Amino acid sequence: MSIITDQPPASEDPQSGPASEVLLTTGQAAARMKVVSQTVARWATEGRLPHTRTLGGAKGPGHRRFRATDLDAAMNPDALCDGAQ
């Protein structure tokens, strides 16, 4: 017998998705990558780092959030290599 509820599964956070998905602020991403936050923001603007934005308010589109897995991939040159030597 299954029970239908409005609640997401315990493994999911309704704000960020699956529990394994960690979202970081620009400052946290910068610390993880050992660069300054302005560099992370520039890379995001240039499209070099995938990101999402929080819900904005009257002041604009919101703050950037970065997935830890995307940052790890960006720091791993082998993961970005297309096989060319």
Protein backbone atom coordinates (compact mmCIF):
# COMPACT_ATOMS: atom_id res chain seq x y z
CA MET A 1 0.00 0.00 0.00
CA SER A 2 1.42 3.40 -0.92
CA ILE A 3 0.59 6.70 0.69
CA ILE A 4 0.36 9.83 -1.41
CA THR A 5 1.45 13.02 0.31
CA ASP A 6 2.31 16.57 -0.67
CA GLN A 7 5.71 16.22 0.99
CA PRO A 8 8.84 15.50 -1.08
CA PRO A 9 10.77 12.33 -0.25
CA ALA A 10 13.00 12.67 2.81
CA SER A 11 16.08 12.56 0.56
CA GLU A 12 15.05 15.75 -1.23
CA ASP A 13 15.09 19.36 -0.11
CA PRO A 14 12.33 21.33 -1.89
CA GLN A 15 14.67 24.33 -2.22
CA SER A 16 17.75 22.66 -3.68
CA GLY A 17 16.64 19.29 -5.08
CA PRO A 18 18.23 15.98 -4.13
CA ALA A 19 20.00 15.86 -0.79
CA SER A 20 23.31 15.06 -2.50
CA GLU A 21 23.14 18.35 -4.41
CA VAL A 22 25.07 21.02 -2.54
CA LEU A 23 24.55 24.64 -3.61
CA LEU A 24 27.21 27.18 -2.69
CA THR A 25 27.25 30.96 -2.59
CA THR A 26 29.75 32.92 -4.67
CA GLY A 27 31.99 33.34 -1.62
CA GLN A 28 31.84 29.65 -0.76
CA ALA A 29 32.58 28.73 -4.38
CA ALA A 30 35.54 31.10 -4.39
CA ALA A 31 36.95 29.57 -1.21
CA ARG A 32 36.53 26.07 -2.63
CA MET A 33 38.33 27.07 -5.84
CA LYS A 34 40.94 29.19 -4.00
CA VAL A 35 40.18 32.36 -5.95
CA VAL A 36 38.48 35.64 -5.02
CA SER A 37 34.70 35.95 -5.33
CA GLN A 38 34.99 38.49 -8.16
CA THR A 39 36.73 35.81 -10.26
CA VAL A 40 33.90 33.33 -9.68
CA ALA A 41 31.33 36.00 -10.57
CA ARG A 42 33.23 36.88 -13.75
CA TRP A 43 33.54 33.22 -14.78
CA ALA A 44 29.79 32.79 -14.22
CA THR A 45 29.00 35.88 -16.30
CA GLU A 46 31.29 34.63 -19.07
CA GLY A 47 29.51 31.26 -19.04
CA ARG A 48 32.56 29.35 -17.81
CA LEU A 49 30.84 28.23 -14.59
CA PRO A 50 27.26 26.94 -14.63
CA HIS A 51 25.07 28.50 -11.97
CA THR A 52 21.53 29.16 -10.93
CA ARG A 53 20.01 32.21 -9.30
CA THR A 54 17.87 32.57 -6.22
CA LEU A 55 14.49 34.21 -6.53
CA GLY A 56 14.98 37.91 -7.00
CA GLY A 57 13.15 40.72 -5.42
CA ALA A 58 12.68 44.35 -6.31
CA LYS A 59 16.44 44.74 -6.76
CA GLY A 60 17.09 42.16 -9.45
CA PRO A 61 17.42 38.52 -10.43
CA GLY A 62 18.82 37.23 -7.14
CA HIS A 63 22.09 35.73 -6.02
CA ARG A 64 24.15 33.12 -7.85
CA ARG A 65 24.36 29.59 -6.50
CA PHE A 66 26.86 27.03 -7.72
CA ARG A 67 26.66 23.24 -7.59
CA ALA A 68 29.64 21.70 -5.85
CA THR A 69 29.86 19.04 -8.57
CA ASP A 70 30.18 21.74 -11.28
CA LEU A 71 32.98 23.45 -9.36
CA ASP A 72 34.81 20.16 -8.89
CA ALA A 73 34.53 19.47 -12.62
CA ALA A 74 35.82 22.95 -13.48
CA MET A 75 38.85 22.41 -11.23
CA ASN A 76 39.62 19.01 -12.80
CA PRO A 77 41.31 19.61 -16.18
CA ASP A 78 40.97 15.92 -17.13
CA ALA A 79 37.18 16.12 -16.85
CA LEU A 80 37.10 19.05 -19.28
CA CYS A 81 39.51 17.50 -21.77
CA ASP A 82 37.93 16.22 -24.98
CA GLY A 83 40.72 13.71 -25.55
CA ALA A 84 42.99 16.02 -27.54
CA GLN A 85 46.60 16.02 -26.40
